[in-house]
Amino acid sequence: MKFRIKEKRKNGLYSFDSLLPDIIHEFELEKSFTIEELVSQWYSIVGDIISTHSKPDRIYKDILFVSADHSVYANEIIMMKDVILKKVSEHFPFKAIRDIKVEIKSIRW
């Protein structure tokens, strides 16, 4: 945690809910939590078949990188890009994702 120099110490108990946002921000864990939440919501965003053959991998410079296990599913994700971006913005209004890139590689669940 940060050392706060020349600030008055606040005594008392704090709930974990009030401390968690500061901890997440301080250790820069926002992207990790966003990816994990995307993975858990991926089924409702893209559907049953595509969700079994693809997985959100990472977010870099507001671009969502998705791993797909076959070029057919990668192409399907690219064709659905606008719909996926709209659904992601509905599920995650606090995180702006402006584009989707698809990589073909084996997926580890």
PDB file of N, CA and C in Angstrom:
ATOM      1  N   MET A   1       0.836  -1.177   0.000  1.00  0.00           N
ATOM      2  CA  MET A   1       0.000   0.000   0.000  1.00  0.00           C
ATOM      3  C   MET A   1       0.878   1.236   0.000  1.00  0.00           C
ATOM      4  N   LYS A   2       0.305   2.344  -0.354  1.00  0.00           N
ATOM      5  CA  LYS A   2       1.038   3.598  -0.395  1.00  0.00           C
ATOM      6  C   LYS A   2       1.351   4.086   1.011  1.00  0.00           C
ATOM      7  N   PHE A   3       2.494   4.714   1.127  1.00  0.00           N
ATOM      8  CA  PHE A   3       2.811   5.425   2.347  1.00  0.00           C
ATOM      9  C   PHE A   3       2.336   6.853   2.166  1.00  0.00           C
ATOM     10  N   ARG A   4       1.538   7.295   3.071  1.00  0.00           N
ATOM     11  CA  ARG A   4       0.993   8.644   2.974  1.00  0.00           C
ATOM     12  C   ARG A   4       1.720   9.524   3.980  1.00  0.00           C
ATOM     13  N   ILE A   5       2.633  10.317   3.473  1.00  0.00           N
ATOM     14  CA  ILE A   5       3.445  11.177   4.316  1.00  0.00           C
ATOM     15  C   ILE A   5       2.684  12.470   4.578  1.00  0.00           C
ATOM     16  N   LYS A   6       2.752  12.911   5.795  1.00  0.00           N
ATOM     17  CA  LYS A   6       2.125  14.161   6.251  1.00  0.00           C
ATOM     18  C   LYS A   6       0.600  14.130   6.136  1.00  0.00           C
ATOM     19  N   GLU A   7       0.033  12.967   6.174  1.00  0.00           N
ATOM     20  CA  GLU A   7      -1.414  12.845   6.231  1.00  0.00           C
ATOM     21  C   GLU A   7      -1.790  12.273   7.577  1.00  0.00           C
ATOM     22  N   LYS A   8      -2.903  12.710   8.063  1.00  0.00           N
ATOM     23  CA  LYS A   8      -3.370  12.221   9.346  1.00  0.00           C
ATOM     24  C   LYS A   8      -3.782  10.759   9.211  1.00  0.00           C
ATOM     25  N   ARG A   9      -3.352   9.958  10.148  1.00  0.00           N
ATOM     26  CA  ARG A   9      -3.679   8.532  10.145  1.00  0.00           C
ATOM     27  C   ARG A   9      -5.144   8.346  10.506  1.00  0.00           C
ATOM     28  N   LYS A  10      -5.783   7.455   9.768  1.00  0.00           N
ATOM     29  CA  LYS A  10      -7.186   7.158  10.016  1.00  0.00           C
ATOM     30  C   LYS A  10      -7.259   5.862  10.806  1.00  0.00           C
ATOM     31  N   ASN A  11      -7.723   5.958  11.999  1.00  0.00           N
ATOM     32  CA  ASN A  11      -7.851   4.772  12.844  1.00  0.00           C
ATOM     33  C   ASN A  11      -9.226   4.161  12.652  1.00  0.00           C
ATOM     34  N   GLY A  12      -9.290   2.892  12.836  1.00  0.00           N
ATOM     35  CA  GLY A  12     -10.574   2.216  12.753  1.00  0.00           C
ATOM     36  C   GLY A  12     -10.509   1.024  11.812  1.00  0.00           C
ATOM     37  N   LEU A  13     -11.623   0.363  11.714  1.00  0.00           N
ATOM     38  CA  LEU A  13     -11.738  -0.804  10.858  1.00  0.00           C
ATOM     39  C   LEU A  13     -12.370  -0.410   9.530  1.00  0.00           C
ATOM     40  N   TYR A  14     -11.890  -1.037   8.465  1.00  0.00           N
ATOM     41  CA  TYR A  14     -12.423  -0.794   7.140  1.00  0.00           C
ATOM     42  C   TYR A  14     -12.921  -2.109   6.572  1.00  0.00           C
ATOM     43  N   SER A  15     -13.988  -2.028   5.836  1.00  0.00           N
ATOM     44  CA  SER A  15     -14.497  -3.245   5.208  1.00  0.00           C
ATOM     45  C   SER A  15     -13.641  -3.562   3.981  1.00  0.00           C
ATOM     46  N   PHE A  16     -13.623  -4.823   3.634  1.00  0.00           N
ATOM     47  CA  PHE A  16     -12.850  -5.253   2.476  1.00  0.00           C
ATOM     48  C   PHE A  16     -13.387  -4.617   1.198  1.00  0.00           C
ATOM     49  N   ASP A  17     -14.706  -4.414   1.135  1.00  0.00           N
ATOM     50  CA  ASP A  17     -15.321  -3.784  -0.042  1.00  0.00           C
ATOM     51  C   ASP A  17     -14.793  -2.377  -0.282  1.00  0.00           C
ATOM     52  N   SER A  18     -14.491  -1.661   0.780  1.00  0.00           N
ATOM     53  CA  SER A  18     -13.988  -0.296   0.609  1.00  0.00           C
ATOM     54  C   SER A  18     -12.508  -0.277   0.248  1.00  0.00           C
ATOM     55  N   LEU A  19     -11.763  -1.323   0.609  1.00  0.00           N
ATOM     56  CA  LEU A  19     -10.332  -1.384   0.320  1.00  0.00           C
ATOM     57  C   LEU A  19     -10.014  -1.997  -1.038  1.00  0.00           C
ATOM     58  N   LEU A  20     -10.867  -2.879  -1.519  1.00  0.00           N
ATOM     59  CA  LEU A  20     -10.580  -3.621  -2.744  1.00  0.00           C
ATOM     60  C   LEU A  20     -10.333  -2.742  -3.966  1.00  0.00           C
ATOM     61  N   PRO A  21     -11.131  -1.724  -4.254  1.00  0.00           N
ATOM     62  CA  PRO A  21     -10.836  -0.891  -5.437  1.00  0.00           C
ATOM     63  C   PRO A  21      -9.464  -0.224  -5.376  1.00  0.00           C
ATOM     64  N   ASP A  22      -9.048   0.219  -4.188  1.00  0.00           N
ATOM     65  CA  ASP A  22      -7.717   0.825  -4.056  1.00  0.00           C
ATOM     66  C   ASP A  22      -6.608  -0.182  -4.299  1.00  0.00           C
ATOM     67  N   ILE A  23      -6.795  -1.392  -3.803  1.00  0.00           N
ATOM     68  CA  ILE A  23      -5.787  -2.449  -3.992  1.00  0.00           C
ATOM     69  C   ILE A  23      -5.686  -2.820  -5.467  1.00  0.00           C
ATOM     70  N   ILE A  24      -6.820  -2.977  -6.119  1.00  0.00           N
ATOM     71  CA  ILE A  24      -6.827  -3.331  -7.542  1.00  0.00           C
ATOM     72  C   ILE A  24      -6.153  -2.248  -8.373  1.00  0.00           C
ATOM     73  N   HIS A  25      -6.444  -1.001  -8.054  1.00  0.00           N
ATOM     74  CA  HIS A  25      -5.839   0.101  -8.808  1.00  0.00           C
ATOM     75  C   HIS A  25      -4.342   0.218  -8.523  1.00  0.00           C
ATOM     76  N   GLU A  26      -3.957   0.056  -7.274  1.00  0.00           N
ATOM     77  CA  GLU A  26      -2.549   0.224  -6.914  1.00  0.00           C
ATOM     78  C   GLU A  26      -1.661  -0.841  -7.542  1.00  0.00           C
ATOM     79  N   PHE A  27      -2.124  -2.063  -7.618  1.00  0.00           N
ATOM     80  CA  PHE A  27      -1.332  -3.137  -8.206  1.00  0.00           C
ATOM     81  C   PHE A  27      -1.644  -3.361  -9.685  1.00  0.00           C
ATOM     82  N   GLU A  28      -2.426  -2.467 -10.288  1.00  0.00           N
ATOM     83  CA  GLU A  28      -2.763  -2.481 -11.706  1.00  0.00           C
ATOM     84  C   GLU A  28      -3.348  -3.819 -12.153  1.00  0.00           C
ATOM     85  N   LEU A  29      -4.370  -4.257 -11.453  1.00  0.00           N
ATOM     86  CA  LEU A  29      -5.005  -5.543 -11.728  1.00  0.00           C
ATOM     87  C   LEU A  29      -6.314  -5.411 -12.506  1.00  0.00           C
ATOM     88  N   GLU A  30      -6.642  -4.207 -12.983  1.00  0.00           N
ATOM     89  CA  GLU A  30      -7.909  -3.997 -13.665  1.00  0.00           C
ATOM     90  C   GLU A  30      -8.051  -4.884 -14.900  1.00  0.00           C
ATOM     91  N   LYS A  31      -6.985  -4.962 -15.695  1.00  0.00           N
ATOM     92  CA  LYS A  31      -7.058  -5.755 -16.926  1.00  0.00           C
ATOM     93  C   LYS A  31      -7.237  -7.243 -16.626  1.00  0.00           C
ATOM     94  N   SER A  32      -6.563  -7.729 -15.592  1.00  0.00           N
ATOM     95  CA  SER A  32      -6.694  -9.141 -15.237  1.00  0.00           C
ATOM     96  C   SER A  32      -8.119  -9.463 -14.800  1.00  0.00           C
ATOM     97  N   PHE A  33      -8.702  -8.598 -13.984  1.00  0.00           N
ATOM     98  CA  PHE A  33     -10.073  -8.827 -13.549  1.00  0.00           C
ATOM     99  C   PHE A  33     -11.048  -8.714 -14.722  1.00  0.00           C
ATOM    100  N   THR A  34     -10.791  -7.785 -15.626  1.00  0.00           N
ATOM    101  CA  THR A  34     -11.661  -7.630 -16.789  1.00  0.00           C
ATOM    102  C   THR A  34     -11.603  -8.865 -17.674  1.00  0.00           C
ATOM    103  N   ILE A  35     -10.403  -9.397 -17.903  1.00  0.00           N
ATOM    104  CA  ILE A  35     -10.273 -10.606 -18.735  1.00  0.00           C
ATOM    105  C   ILE A  35     -10.974 -11.785 -18.079  1.00  0.00           C
ATOM    106  N   GLU A  36     -10.788 -11.966 -16.782  1.00  0.00           N
ATOM    107  CA  GLU A  36     -11.441 -13.091 -16.105  1.00  0.00           C
ATOM    108  C   GLU A  36     -12.960 -12.958 -16.152  1.00  0.00           C
ATOM    109  N   GLU A  37     -13.456 -11.755 -16.012  1.00  0.00           N
ATOM    110  CA  GLU A  37     -14.901 -11.542 -16.108  1.00  0.00           C
ATOM    111  C   GLU A  37     -15.382 -11.772 -17.536  1.00  0.00           C
ATOM    112  N   LEU A  38     -14.579 -11.361 -18.531  1.00  0.00           N
ATOM    113  CA  LEU A  38     -14.928 -11.624 -19.928  1.00  0.00           C
ATOM    114  C   LEU A  38     -14.985 -13.121 -20.206  1.00  0.00           C
ATOM    115  N   VAL A  39     -14.035 -13.866 -19.666  1.00  0.00           N
ATOM    116  CA  VAL A  39     -14.019 -15.321 -19.861  1.00  0.00           C
ATOM    117  C   VAL A  39     -15.283 -15.935 -19.269  1.00  0.00           C
ATOM    118  N   SER A  40     -15.681 -15.465 -18.093  1.00  0.00           N
ATOM    119  CA  SER A  40     -16.875 -16.047 -17.466  1.00  0.00           C
ATOM    120  C   SER A  40     -18.164 -15.636 -18.197  1.00  0.00           C
ATOM    121  N   GLN A  41     -18.177 -14.482 -18.862  1.00  0.00           N
ATOM    122  CA  GLN A  41     -19.358 -14.012 -19.583  1.00  0.00           C
ATOM    123  C   GLN A  41     -19.318 -14.335 -21.080  1.00  0.00           C
ATOM    124  N   TRP A  42     -18.235 -14.947 -21.559  1.00  0.00           N
ATOM    125  CA  TRP A  42     -18.026 -15.163 -22.990  1.00  0.00           C
ATOM    126  C   TRP A  42     -19.164 -15.960 -23.630  1.00  0.00           C
ATOM    127  N   TYR A  43     -19.707 -16.924 -22.916  1.00  0.00           N
ATOM    128  CA  TYR A  43     -20.815 -17.736 -23.431  1.00  0.00           C
ATOM    129  C   TYR A  43     -22.009 -16.858 -23.784  1.00  0.00           C
ATOM    130  N   SER A  44     -22.352 -15.922 -22.913  1.00  0.00           N
ATOM    131  CA  SER A  44     -23.518 -15.076 -23.174  1.00  0.00           C
ATOM    132  C   SER A  44     -23.228 -14.012 -24.231  1.00  0.00           C
ATOM    133  N   ILE A  45     -21.961 -13.710 -24.475  1.00  0.00           N
ATOM    134  CA  ILE A  45     -21.610 -12.690 -25.461  1.00  0.00           C
ATOM    135  C   ILE A  45     -21.605 -13.252 -26.878  1.00  0.00           C
ATOM    136  N   VAL A  46     -20.969 -14.425 -27.076  1.00  0.00           N
ATOM    137  CA  VAL A  46     -20.816 -14.947 -28.443  1.00  0.00           C
ATOM    138  C   VAL A  46     -21.670 -16.170 -28.747  1.00  0.00           C
ATOM    139  N   GLY A  47     -22.199 -16.811 -27.739  1.00  0.00           N
ATOM    140  CA  GLY A  47     -23.024 -17.990 -27.981  1.00  0.00           C
ATOM    141  C   GLY A  47     -22.305 -19.285 -27.642  1.00  0.00           C
ATOM    142  N   ASP A  48     -23.041 -20.374 -27.765  1.00  0.00           N
ATOM    143  CA  ASP A  48     -22.575 -21.686 -27.314  1.00  0.00           C
ATOM    144  C   ASP A  48     -21.418 -22.238 -28.136  1.00  0.00           C
ATOM    145  N   ILE A  49     -21.576 -22.306 -29.428  1.00  0.00           N
ATOM    146  CA  ILE A  49     -20.576 -22.973 -30.273  1.00  0.00           C
ATOM    147  C   ILE A  49     -19.272 -22.189 -30.314  1.00  0.00           C
ATOM    148  N   ILE A  50     -19.364 -20.894 -30.539  1.00  0.00           N
ATOM    149  CA  ILE A  50     -18.140 -20.092 -30.640  1.00  0.00           C
ATOM    150  C   ILE A  50     -17.427 -20.008 -29.294  1.00  0.00           C
ATOM    151  N   SER A  51     -18.183 -19.990 -28.200  1.00  0.00           N
ATOM    152  CA  SER A  51     -17.539 -19.910 -26.889  1.00  0.00           C
ATOM    153  C   SER A  51     -16.762 -21.175 -26.536  1.00  0.00           C
ATOM    154  N   THR A  52     -17.141 -22.316 -27.117  1.00  0.00           N
ATOM    155  CA  THR A  52     -16.386 -23.541 -26.846  1.00  0.00           C
ATOM    156  C   THR A  52     -15.102 -23.613 -27.661  1.00  0.00           C
ATOM    157  N   HIS A  53     -14.995 -22.789 -28.716  1.00  0.00           N
ATOM    158  CA  HIS A  53     -13.813 -22.816 -29.576  1.00  0.00           C
ATOM    159  C   HIS A  53     -12.997 -21.523 -29.520  1.00  0.00           C
ATOM    160  N   SER A  54     -13.342 -20.628 -28.605  1.00  0.00           N
ATOM    161  CA  SER A  54     -12.592 -19.375 -28.488  1.00  0.00           C
ATOM    162  C   SER A  54     -12.575 -18.920 -27.037  1.00  0.00           C
ATOM    163  N   LYS A  55     -11.656 -18.005 -26.759  1.00  0.00           N
ATOM    164  CA  LYS A  55     -11.504 -17.517 -25.393  1.00  0.00           C
ATOM    165  C   LYS A  55     -10.824 -16.153 -25.423  1.00  0.00           C
ATOM    166  N   PRO A  56     -11.332 -15.169 -24.660  1.00  0.00           N
ATOM    167  CA  PRO A  56     -10.620 -13.897 -24.556  1.00  0.00           C
ATOM    168  C   PRO A  56      -9.250 -14.117 -23.914  1.00  0.00           C
ATOM    169  N   ASP A  57      -8.234 -13.545 -24.509  1.00  0.00           N
ATOM    170  CA  ASP A  57      -6.869 -13.809 -24.059  1.00  0.00           C
ATOM    171  C   ASP A  57      -6.278 -12.645 -23.277  1.00  0.00           C
ATOM    172  N   ARG A  58      -6.333 -11.442 -23.846  1.00  0.00           N
ATOM    173  CA  ARG A  58      -5.742 -10.287 -23.175  1.00  0.00           C
ATOM    174  C   ARG A  58      -6.309  -9.003 -23.769  1.00  0.00           C
ATOM    175  N   ILE A  59      -6.074  -7.905 -23.066  1.00  0.00           N
ATOM    176  CA  ILE A  59      -6.434  -6.580 -23.541  1.00  0.00           C
ATOM    177  C   ILE A  59      -5.150  -5.765 -23.576  1.00  0.00           C
ATOM    178  N   TYR A  60      -4.860  -5.196 -24.747  1.00  0.00           N
ATOM    179  CA  TYR A  60      -3.662  -4.384 -24.909  1.00  0.00           C
ATOM    180  C   TYR A  60      -4.022  -3.158 -25.738  1.00  0.00           C
ATOM    181  N   LYS A  61      -3.820  -1.994 -25.166  1.00  0.00           N
ATOM    182  CA  LYS A  61      -4.137  -0.717 -25.826  1.00  0.00           C
ATOM    183  C   LYS A  61      -5.579  -0.693 -26.336  1.00  0.00           C
ATOM    184  N   ASP A  62      -6.505  -1.080 -25.480  1.00  0.00           N
ATOM    185  CA  ASP A  62      -7.943  -1.099 -25.759  1.00  0.00           C
ATOM    186  C   ASP A  62      -8.330  -2.023 -26.906  1.00  0.00           C
ATOM    187  N   ILE A  63      -7.494  -3.013 -27.185  1.00  0.00           N
ATOM    188  CA  ILE A  63      -7.799  -4.025 -28.196  1.00  0.00           C
ATOM    189  C   ILE A  63      -7.945  -5.364 -27.467  1.00  0.00           C
ATOM    190  N   LEU A  64      -9.057  -6.031 -27.682  1.00  0.00           N
ATOM    191  CA  LEU A  64      -9.305  -7.340 -27.095  1.00  0.00           C
ATOM    192  C   LEU A  64      -8.731  -8.402 -28.018  1.00  0.00           C
ATOM    193  N   PHE A  65      -7.803  -9.189 -27.511  1.00  0.00           N
ATOM    194  CA  PHE A  65      -7.234 -10.295 -28.269  1.00  0.00           C
ATOM    195  C   PHE A  65      -7.960 -11.573 -27.858  1.00  0.00           C
ATOM    196  N   VAL A  66      -8.483 -12.269 -28.854  1.00  0.00           N
ATOM    197  CA  VAL A  66      -9.240 -13.494 -28.633  1.00  0.00           C
ATOM    198  C   VAL A  66      -8.480 -14.647 -29.264  1.00  0.00           C
ATOM    199  N   SER A  67      -8.365 -15.758 -28.537  1.00  0.00           N
ATOM    200  CA  SER A  67      -7.748 -16.968 -29.076  1.00  0.00           C
ATOM    201  C   SER A  67      -8.841 -17.878 -29.615  1.00  0.00           C
ATOM    202  N   ALA A  68      -8.625 -18.395 -30.800  1.00  0.00           N
ATOM    203  CA  ALA A  68      -9.557 -19.348 -31.413  1.00  0.00           C
ATOM    204  C   ALA A  68      -8.764 -20.579 -31.821  1.00  0.00           C
ATOM    205  N   ASP A  69      -9.402 -21.749 -31.758  1.00  0.00           N
ATOM    206  CA  ASP A  69      -8.668 -22.975 -32.059  1.00  0.00           C
ATOM    207  C   ASP A  69      -8.739 -23.398 -33.522  1.00  0.00           C
ATOM    208  N   HIS A  70      -9.476 -22.646 -34.353  1.00  0.00           N
ATOM    209  CA  HIS A  70      -9.577 -22.979 -35.767  1.00  0.00           C
ATOM    210  C   HIS A  70      -9.890 -21.708 -36.547  1.00  0.00           C
ATOM    211  N   SER A  71      -9.436 -21.662 -37.789  1.00  0.00           N
ATOM    212  CA  SER A  71      -9.633 -20.460 -38.603  1.00  0.00           C
ATOM    213  C   SER A  71     -11.100 -20.176 -38.903  1.00  0.00           C
ATOM    214  N   VAL A  72     -11.926 -21.207 -38.932  1.00  0.00           N
ATOM    215  CA  VAL A  72     -13.358 -21.006 -39.181  1.00  0.00           C
ATOM    216  C   VAL A  72     -13.973 -20.176 -38.047  1.00  0.00           C
ATOM    217  N   TYR A  73     -13.633 -20.500 -36.808  1.00  0.00           N
ATOM    218  CA  TYR A  73     -14.174 -19.766 -35.669  1.00  0.00           C
ATOM    219  C   TYR A  73     -13.556 -18.373 -35.577  1.00  0.00           C
ATOM    220  N   ALA A  74     -12.301 -18.244 -35.957  1.00  0.00           N
ATOM    221  CA  ALA A  74     -11.666 -16.925 -35.989  1.00  0.00           C
ATOM    222  C   ALA A  74     -12.376 -16.022 -36.985  1.00  0.00           C
ATOM    223  N   ASN A  75     -12.702 -16.558 -38.144  1.00  0.00           N
ATOM    224  CA  ASN A  75     -13.421 -15.787 -39.159  1.00  0.00           C
ATOM    225  C   ASN A  75     -14.820 -15.413 -38.678  1.00  0.00           C
ATOM    226  N   GLU A  76     -15.469 -16.319 -38.005  1.00  0.00           N
ATOM    227  CA  GLU A  76     -16.812 -16.043 -37.474  1.00  0.00           C
ATOM    228  C   GLU A  76     -16.770 -14.913 -36.440  1.00  0.00           C
ATOM    229  N   ILE A  77     -15.748 -14.907 -35.601  1.00  0.00           N
ATOM    230  CA  ILE A  77     -15.597 -13.839 -34.603  1.00  0.00           C
ATOM    231  C   ILE A  77     -15.342 -12.505 -35.295  1.00  0.00           C
ATOM    232  N   ILE A  78     -14.528 -12.512 -36.332  1.00  0.00           N
ATOM    233  CA  ILE A  78     -14.258 -11.275 -37.068  1.00  0.00           C
ATOM    234  C   ILE A  78     -15.532 -10.752 -37.725  1.00  0.00           C
ATOM    235  N   MET A  79     -16.348 -11.656 -38.259  1.00  0.00           N
ATOM    236  CA  MET A  79     -17.600 -11.231 -38.891  1.00  0.00           C
ATOM    237  C   MET A  79     -18.599 -10.704 -37.852  1.00  0.00           C
ATOM    238  N   MET A  80     -18.518 -11.189 -36.617  1.00  0.00           N
ATOM    239  CA  MET A  80     -19.412 -10.756 -35.544  1.00  0.00           C
ATOM    240  C   MET A  80     -18.814  -9.612 -34.716  1.00  0.00           C
ATOM    241  N   LYS A  81     -17.736  -9.015 -35.167  1.00  0.00           N
ATOM    242  CA  LYS A  81     -16.989  -8.055 -34.362  1.00  0.00           C
ATOM    243  C   LYS A  81     -17.860  -6.913 -33.833  1.00  0.00           C
ATOM    244  N   ASP A  82     -18.695  -6.328 -34.657  1.00  0.00           N
ATOM    245  CA  ASP A  82     -19.524  -5.205 -34.214  1.00  0.00           C
ATOM    246  C   ASP A  82     -20.512  -5.622 -33.130  1.00  0.00           C
ATOM    247  N   VAL A  83     -21.115  -6.784 -33.296  1.00  0.00           N
ATOM    248  CA  VAL A  83     -22.066  -7.288 -32.305  1.00  0.00           C
ATOM    249  C   VAL A  83     -21.343  -7.595 -30.994  1.00  0.00           C
ATOM    250  N   ILE A  84     -20.168  -8.203 -31.082  1.00  0.00           N
ATOM    251  CA  ILE A  84     -19.396  -8.536 -29.885  1.00  0.00           C
ATOM    252  C   ILE A  84     -18.979  -7.270 -29.153  1.00  0.00           C
ATOM    253  N   LEU A  85     -18.505  -6.260 -29.889  1.00  0.00           N
ATOM    254  CA  LEU A  85     -18.098  -5.005 -29.250  1.00  0.00           C
ATOM    255  C   LEU A  85     -19.285  -4.338 -28.551  1.00  0.00           C
ATOM    256  N   LYS A  86     -20.451  -4.397 -29.155  1.00  0.00           N
ATOM    257  CA  LYS A  86     -21.637  -3.818 -28.536  1.00  0.00           C
ATOM    258  C   LYS A  86     -21.998  -4.550 -27.247  1.00  0.00           C
ATOM    259  N   LYS A  87     -21.975  -5.892 -27.276  1.00  0.00           N
ATOM    260  CA  LYS A  87     -22.314  -6.665 -26.088  1.00  0.00           C
ATOM    261  C   LYS A  87     -21.274  -6.487 -24.982  1.00  0.00           C
ATOM    262  N   VAL A  88     -20.008  -6.396 -25.365  1.00  0.00           N
ATOM    263  CA  VAL A  88     -18.953  -6.173 -24.367  1.00  0.00           C
ATOM    264  C   VAL A  88     -19.131  -4.810 -23.712  1.00  0.00           C
ATOM    265  N   SER A  89     -19.473  -3.803 -24.494  1.00  0.00           N
ATOM    266  CA  SER A  89     -19.679  -2.471 -23.911  1.00  0.00           C
ATOM    267  C   SER A  89     -20.906  -2.446 -23.003  1.00  0.00           C
ATOM    268  N   GLU A  90     -21.889  -3.290 -23.272  1.00  0.00           N
ATOM    269  CA  GLU A  90     -23.047  -3.388 -22.384  1.00  0.00           C
ATOM    270  C   GLU A  90     -22.686  -4.080 -21.077  1.00  0.00           C
ATOM    271  N   HIS A  91     -21.885  -5.141 -21.164  1.00  0.00           N
ATOM    272  CA  HIS A  91     -21.484  -5.878 -19.958  1.00  0.00           C
ATOM    273  C   HIS A  91     -20.441  -5.117 -19.147  1.00  0.00           C
ATOM    274  N   PHE A  92     -19.566  -4.375 -19.820  1.00  0.00           N
ATOM    275  CA  PHE A  92     -18.459  -3.684 -19.169  1.00  0.00           C
ATOM    276  C   PHE A  92     -18.442  -2.217 -19.592  1.00  0.00           C
ATOM    277  N   PRO A  93     -19.353  -1.396 -19.075  1.00  0.00           N
ATOM    278  CA  PRO A  93     -19.403   0.007 -19.505  1.00  0.00           C
ATOM    279  C   PRO A  93     -18.202   0.826 -19.041  1.00  0.00           C
ATOM    280  N   PHE A  94     -17.483   0.334 -18.023  1.00  0.00           N
ATOM    281  CA  PHE A  94     -16.338   1.068 -17.496  1.00  0.00           C
ATOM    282  C   PHE A  94     -15.065   0.837 -18.303  1.00  0.00           C
ATOM    283  N   LYS A  95     -15.048  -0.170 -19.165  1.00  0.00           N
ATOM    284  CA  LYS A  95     -13.843  -0.504 -19.930  1.00  0.00           C
ATOM    285  C   LYS A  95     -14.126  -0.310 -21.411  1.00  0.00           C
ATOM    286  N   ALA A  96     -13.395   0.576 -22.045  1.00  0.00           N
ATOM    287  CA  ALA A  96     -13.584   0.848 -23.469  1.00  0.00           C
ATOM    288  C   ALA A  96     -12.695  -0.082 -24.292  1.00  0.00           C
ATOM    289  N   ILE A  97     -13.316  -0.947 -25.067  1.00  0.00           N
ATOM    290  CA  ILE A  97     -12.595  -1.814 -25.996  1.00  0.00           C
ATOM    291  C   ILE A  97     -13.003  -1.373 -27.381  1.00  0.00           C
ATOM    292  N   ARG A  98     -12.024  -0.957 -28.194  1.00  0.00           N
ATOM    293  CA  ARG A  98     -12.348  -0.364 -29.484  1.00  0.00           C
ATOM    294  C   ARG A  98     -12.175  -1.316 -30.656  1.00  0.00           C
ATOM    295  N   ASP A  99     -11.495  -2.444 -30.458  1.00  0.00           N
ATOM    296  CA  ASP A  99     -11.273  -3.363 -31.569  1.00  0.00           C
ATOM    297  C   ASP A  99     -11.065  -4.773 -31.038  1.00  0.00           C
ATOM    298  N   ILE A 100     -11.199  -5.746 -31.930  1.00  0.00           N
ATOM    299  CA  ILE A 100     -10.975  -7.152 -31.590  1.00  0.00           C
ATOM    300  C   ILE A 100     -10.011  -7.739 -32.605  1.00  0.00           C
ATOM    301  N   LYS A 101      -9.006  -8.422 -32.114  1.00  0.00           N
ATOM    302  CA  LYS A 101      -8.065  -9.159 -32.951  1.00  0.00           C
ATOM    303  C   LYS A 101      -8.156 -10.631 -32.549  1.00  0.00           C
ATOM    304  N   VAL A 102      -8.100 -11.507 -33.540  1.00  0.00           N
ATOM    305  CA  VAL A 102      -8.231 -12.932 -33.281  1.00  0.00           C
ATOM    306  C   VAL A 102      -6.932 -13.631 -33.638  1.00  0.00           C
ATOM    307  N   GLU A 103      -6.459 -14.478 -32.729  1.00  0.00           N
ATOM    308  CA  GLU A 103      -5.260 -15.282 -32.951  1.00  0.00           C
ATOM    309  C   GLU A 103      -5.665 -16.750 -32.950  1.00  0.00           C
ATOM    310  N   ILE A 104      -5.074 -17.507 -33.845  1.00  0.00           N
ATOM    311  CA  ILE A 104      -5.371 -18.932 -33.910  1.00  0.00           C
ATOM    312  C   ILE A 104      -4.280 -19.673 -33.151  1.00  0.00           C
ATOM    313  N   LYS A 105      -4.690 -20.314 -32.060  1.00  0.00           N
ATOM    314  CA  LYS A 105      -3.748 -21.100 -31.264  1.00  0.00           C
ATOM    315  C   LYS A 105      -4.551 -22.052 -30.384  1.00  0.00           C
ATOM    316  N   SER A 106      -3.864 -23.003 -29.804  1.00  0.00           N
ATOM    317  CA  SER A 106      -4.569 -23.960 -28.954  1.00  0.00           C
ATOM    318  C   SER A 106      -5.013 -23.259 -27.672  1.00  0.00           C
ATOM    319  N   ILE A 107      -6.158 -23.656 -27.192  1.00  0.00           N
ATOM    320  CA  ILE A 107      -6.760 -23.016 -26.025  1.00  0.00           C
ATOM    321  C   ILE A 107      -6.614 -23.935 -24.824  1.00  0.00           C
ATOM    322  N   ARG A 108      -6.129 -23.379 -23.737  1.00  0.00           N
ATOM    323  CA  ARG A 108      -6.051 -24.124 -22.479  1.00  0.00           C
ATOM    324  C   ARG A 108      -7.161 -23.652 -21.577  1.00  0.00           C
ATOM    325  N   TRP A 109      -8.009 -24.565 -21.170  1.00  0.00           N
ATOM    326  CA  TRP A 109      -9.112 -24.206 -20.284  1.00  0.00           C
ATOM    327  C   TRP A 109      -8.682 -24.463 -18.916  1.00  0.00           C
TER     328      TRP A 109
END
